[in-house]
Amino acid sequence: ITDTRAGDLPWTLTAQSSNLTGGTSGSSIINGENVGITNMTFTGPTNGAVNFTNWFAAAGAGATAVGAAVEPSATGTLGLAGTPAKTLAHTAHGVGSWSFGGTLTVVAPADTEAGHYAGTVTFTVLSQ
């Protein structure tokens, strides 16, 4: 994320996943609730901490947040599925360049059909 807006305004990073479709039949589905992001880290300016939503701790610049932003699960409302998109990070002071890293995790139920699956994860930066 590179923010050059005047006023050092806040921004929010969100993510949302579609269902994954495929398998050997081509019609099997892994629910988007089974898609999550773990171990998110960031580097960026020190003009304000990035707060990771749904994490157990907020992290300062260059730190690793503890826990998962959204826990992948086989059922329920967790993961990156559904609307609205899940908020991953927010900062009150957005001027500068930020780099995020993490692990995109898919937890397929034990009865998932073998094969290749495809879907879309959309990341969005919202200015405030």
C-alpha atoms as a PDB file:
ATOM      1  CA  ILE A   1       0.000   0.000   0.000  1.00  0.00           C
ATOM      2  CA  THR A   2       1.425   3.377  -0.973  1.00  0.00           C
ATOM      3  CA  ASP A   3      -0.512   6.363   0.317  1.00  0.00           C
ATOM      4  CA  THR A   4       0.431   9.827  -0.957  1.00  0.00           C
ATOM      5  CA  ARG A   5      -2.782  11.645   0.011  1.00  0.00           C
ATOM      6  CA  ALA A   6      -2.425  14.964   1.811  1.00  0.00           C
ATOM      7  CA  GLY A   7      -3.537  15.014   5.433  1.00  0.00           C
ATOM      8  CA  ASP A   8      -2.066  11.710   6.665  1.00  0.00           C
ATOM      9  CA  LEU A   9      -5.548  10.147   6.536  1.00  0.00           C
ATOM     10  CA  PRO A  10      -6.533   6.686   7.808  1.00  0.00           C
ATOM     11  CA  TRP A  11      -7.076   3.622   5.641  1.00  0.00           C
ATOM     12  CA  THR A  12      -8.362   0.080   6.118  1.00  0.00           C
ATOM     13  CA  LEU A  13      -7.240  -3.131   4.384  1.00  0.00           C
ATOM     14  CA  THR A  14      -9.945  -5.762   3.782  1.00  0.00           C
ATOM     15  CA  ALA A  15     -10.039  -9.221   2.195  1.00  0.00           C
ATOM     16  CA  GLN A  16     -12.818 -11.428   0.872  1.00  0.00           C
ATOM     17  CA  SER A  17     -12.774 -14.928  -0.634  1.00  0.00           C
ATOM     18  CA  SER A  18     -15.081 -16.654  -3.064  1.00  0.00           C
ATOM     19  CA  ASN A  19     -15.806 -20.353  -2.733  1.00  0.00           C
ATOM     20  CA  LEU A  20     -13.140 -22.543  -4.336  1.00  0.00           C
ATOM     21  CA  THR A  21     -14.474 -24.796  -7.083  1.00  0.00           C
ATOM     22  CA  GLY A  22     -12.939 -27.746  -8.881  1.00  0.00           C
ATOM     23  CA  GLY A  23     -11.941 -31.250  -7.888  1.00  0.00           C
ATOM     24  CA  THR A  24     -11.741 -34.127 -10.308  1.00  0.00           C
ATOM     25  CA  SER A  25     -15.436 -33.675 -11.191  1.00  0.00           C
ATOM     26  CA  GLY A  26     -15.008 -29.928 -11.665  1.00  0.00           C
ATOM     27  CA  SER A  27     -18.092 -29.204  -9.572  1.00  0.00           C
ATOM     28  CA  SER A  28     -16.854 -29.723  -6.008  1.00  0.00           C
ATOM     29  CA  ILE A  29     -16.732 -26.745  -3.640  1.00  0.00           C
ATOM     30  CA  ILE A  30     -14.523 -25.691  -0.755  1.00  0.00           C
ATOM     31  CA  ASN A  31     -16.438 -23.003   1.119  1.00  0.00           C
ATOM     32  CA  GLY A  32     -14.826 -19.547   1.322  1.00  0.00           C
ATOM     33  CA  GLU A  33     -15.198 -19.882   5.108  1.00  0.00           C
ATOM     34  CA  ASN A  34     -12.340 -22.372   4.878  1.00  0.00           C
ATOM     35  CA  VAL A  35      -9.979 -19.672   3.559  1.00  0.00           C
ATOM     36  CA  GLY A  36      -8.064 -17.537   6.062  1.00  0.00           C
ATOM     37  CA  ILE A  37      -4.901 -15.497   6.494  1.00  0.00           C
ATOM     38  CA  THR A  38      -2.443 -16.230   9.280  1.00  0.00           C
ATOM     39  CA  ASN A  39       0.937 -14.874  10.408  1.00  0.00           C
ATOM     40  CA  MET A  40       0.442 -11.397   8.921  1.00  0.00           C
ATOM     41  CA  THR A  41       3.393  -9.050   9.210  1.00  0.00           C
ATOM     42  CA  PHE A  42       4.134  -5.616   7.854  1.00  0.00           C
ATOM     43  CA  THR A  43       6.890  -3.113   7.300  1.00  0.00           C
ATOM     44  CA  GLY A  44       6.238   0.564   6.871  1.00  0.00           C
ATOM     45  CA  PRO A  45       6.683   4.048   8.264  1.00  0.00           C
ATOM     46  CA  THR A  46       6.702   4.649  11.987  1.00  0.00           C
ATOM     47  CA  ASN A  47       4.174   7.500  11.906  1.00  0.00           C
ATOM     48  CA  GLY A  48       1.534   5.216  13.415  1.00  0.00           C
ATOM     49  CA  ALA A  49       0.992   1.598  14.351  1.00  0.00           C
ATOM     50  CA  VAL A  50      -1.037  -0.676  12.132  1.00  0.00           C
ATOM     51  CA  ASN A  51      -3.810  -2.366  14.073  1.00  0.00           C
ATOM     52  CA  PHE A  52      -4.667  -5.870  12.924  1.00  0.00           C
ATOM     53  CA  THR A  53      -8.388  -6.505  13.321  1.00  0.00           C
ATOM     54  CA  ASN A  54      -9.373  -9.775  15.014  1.00  0.00           C
ATOM     55  CA  TRP A  55      -5.787 -10.347  16.085  1.00  0.00           C
ATOM     56  CA  PHE A  56      -4.804 -10.913  19.676  1.00  0.00           C
ATOM     57  CA  ALA A  57      -2.395  -7.969  19.616  1.00  0.00           C
ATOM     58  CA  ALA A  58      -1.709  -4.815  17.612  1.00  0.00           C
ATOM     59  CA  ALA A  59       1.784  -4.570  16.203  1.00  0.00           C
ATOM     60  CA  GLY A  60       4.205  -1.712  15.749  1.00  0.00           C
ATOM     61  CA  ALA A  61       6.128  -1.231  12.501  1.00  0.00           C
ATOM     62  CA  GLY A  62       8.096  -4.334  11.548  1.00  0.00           C
ATOM     63  CA  ALA A  63       6.490  -6.499  14.236  1.00  0.00           C
ATOM     64  CA  THR A  64       4.617  -9.737  13.773  1.00  0.00           C
ATOM     65  CA  ALA A  65       1.082  -9.811  15.093  1.00  0.00           C
ATOM     66  CA  VAL A  66       0.139 -12.731  17.302  1.00  0.00           C
ATOM     67  CA  GLY A  67      -2.634 -15.056  16.194  1.00  0.00           C
ATOM     68  CA  ALA A  68      -4.721 -15.226  13.059  1.00  0.00           C
ATOM     69  CA  ALA A  69      -6.560 -12.353  11.403  1.00  0.00           C
ATOM     70  CA  VAL A  70      -9.320 -14.707  10.390  1.00  0.00           C
ATOM     71  CA  GLU A  71      -9.217 -18.311  11.473  1.00  0.00           C
ATOM     72  CA  PRO A  72      -9.992 -20.785   8.700  1.00  0.00           C
ATOM     73  CA  SER A  73     -12.739 -23.220   9.717  1.00  0.00           C
ATOM     74  CA  ALA A  74     -14.835 -25.960   8.177  1.00  0.00           C
ATOM     75  CA  THR A  75     -18.155 -24.311   9.077  1.00  0.00           C
ATOM     76  CA  GLY A  76     -19.527 -21.113  10.572  1.00  0.00           C
ATOM     77  CA  THR A  77     -18.888 -17.451   9.914  1.00  0.00           C
ATOM     78  CA  LEU A  78     -15.103 -17.363  10.145  1.00  0.00           C
ATOM     79  CA  GLY A  79     -12.689 -17.168   7.267  1.00  0.00           C
ATOM     80  CA  LEU A  80     -12.803 -14.715   4.375  1.00  0.00           C
ATOM     81  CA  ALA A  81     -16.246 -15.630   3.004  1.00  0.00           C
ATOM     82  CA  GLY A  82     -19.333 -13.468   3.026  1.00  0.00           C
ATOM     83  CA  THR A  83     -20.100  -9.797   3.135  1.00  0.00           C
ATOM     84  CA  PRO A  84     -18.954  -7.416   4.257  1.00  0.00           C
ATOM     85  CA  ALA A  85     -15.303  -8.116   3.487  1.00  0.00           C
ATOM     86  CA  LYS A  86     -13.190  -8.908   6.564  1.00  0.00           C
ATOM     87  CA  THR A  87     -11.062  -6.065   7.913  1.00  0.00           C
ATOM     88  CA  LEU A  88      -7.440  -7.185   8.189  1.00  0.00           C
ATOM     89  CA  ALA A  89      -5.612  -3.997   9.139  1.00  0.00           C
ATOM     90  CA  HIS A  90      -6.262  -0.346   9.869  1.00  0.00           C
ATOM     91  CA  THR A  91      -4.065   2.671  10.498  1.00  0.00           C
ATOM     92  CA  ALA A  92      -5.009   6.155  11.634  1.00  0.00           C
ATOM     93  CA  HIS A  93      -1.975   7.692   9.863  1.00  0.00           C
ATOM     94  CA  GLY A  94      -1.673   6.447   6.299  1.00  0.00           C
ATOM     95  CA  VAL A  95       1.023   8.482   4.540  1.00  0.00           C
ATOM     96  CA  GLY A  96       3.869   6.266   3.335  1.00  0.00           C
ATOM     97  CA  SER A  97       4.451   2.815   1.861  1.00  0.00           C
ATOM     98  CA  TRP A  98       3.483  -0.391   3.632  1.00  0.00           C
ATOM     99  CA  SER A  99       4.275  -3.996   2.701  1.00  0.00           C
ATOM    100  CA  PHE A 100       2.200  -6.843   4.122  1.00  0.00           C
ATOM    101  CA  GLY A 101       3.007 -10.532   4.239  1.00  0.00           C
ATOM    102  CA  GLY A 102       1.183 -13.575   5.531  1.00  0.00           C
ATOM    103  CA  THR A 103       0.077 -17.093   4.802  1.00  0.00           C
ATOM    104  CA  LEU A 104      -3.098 -17.710   2.828  1.00  0.00           C
ATOM    105  CA  THR A 105      -4.526 -20.846   4.429  1.00  0.00           C
ATOM    106  CA  VAL A 106      -7.160 -23.235   3.055  1.00  0.00           C
ATOM    107  CA  VAL A 107      -8.532 -25.891   5.388  1.00  0.00           C
ATOM    108  CA  ALA A 108     -10.349 -28.440   3.248  1.00  0.00           C
ATOM    109  CA  PRO A 109     -12.754 -30.793   5.063  1.00  0.00           C
ATOM    110  CA  ALA A 110     -11.673 -34.449   5.202  1.00  0.00           C
ATOM    111  CA  ASP A 111     -14.313 -35.457   2.646  1.00  0.00           C
ATOM    112  CA  THR A 112     -13.165 -32.924   0.016  1.00  0.00           C
ATOM    113  CA  GLU A 113     -12.823 -34.434  -3.443  1.00  0.00           C
ATOM    114  CA  ALA A 114      -9.225 -34.600  -4.710  1.00  0.00           C
ATOM    115  CA  GLY A 115      -8.169 -32.312  -7.540  1.00  0.00           C
ATOM    116  CA  HIS A 116      -7.353 -28.714  -8.346  1.00  0.00           C
ATOM    117  CA  TYR A 117      -9.509 -25.898  -6.973  1.00  0.00           C
ATOM    118  CA  ALA A 118      -9.678 -22.243  -7.977  1.00  0.00           C
ATOM    119  CA  GLY A 119     -11.239 -19.169  -6.429  1.00  0.00           C
ATOM    120  CA  THR A 120     -10.655 -15.473  -5.904  1.00  0.00           C
ATOM    121  CA  VAL A 121      -9.395 -13.572  -2.876  1.00  0.00           C
ATOM    122  CA  THR A 122      -9.949  -9.826  -3.246  1.00  0.00           C
ATOM    123  CA  PHE A 123      -7.898  -7.345  -1.203  1.00  0.00           C
ATOM    124  CA  THR A 124      -9.218  -3.791  -0.977  1.00  0.00           C
ATOM    125  CA  VAL A 125      -7.788  -0.628   0.582  1.00  0.00           C
ATOM    126  CA  LEU A 126     -10.478   1.785   1.745  1.00  0.00           C
ATOM    127  CA  SER A 127      -9.612   5.399   2.479  1.00  0.00           C
ATOM    128  CA  GLN A 128     -11.403   7.212   5.272  1.00  0.00           C
END
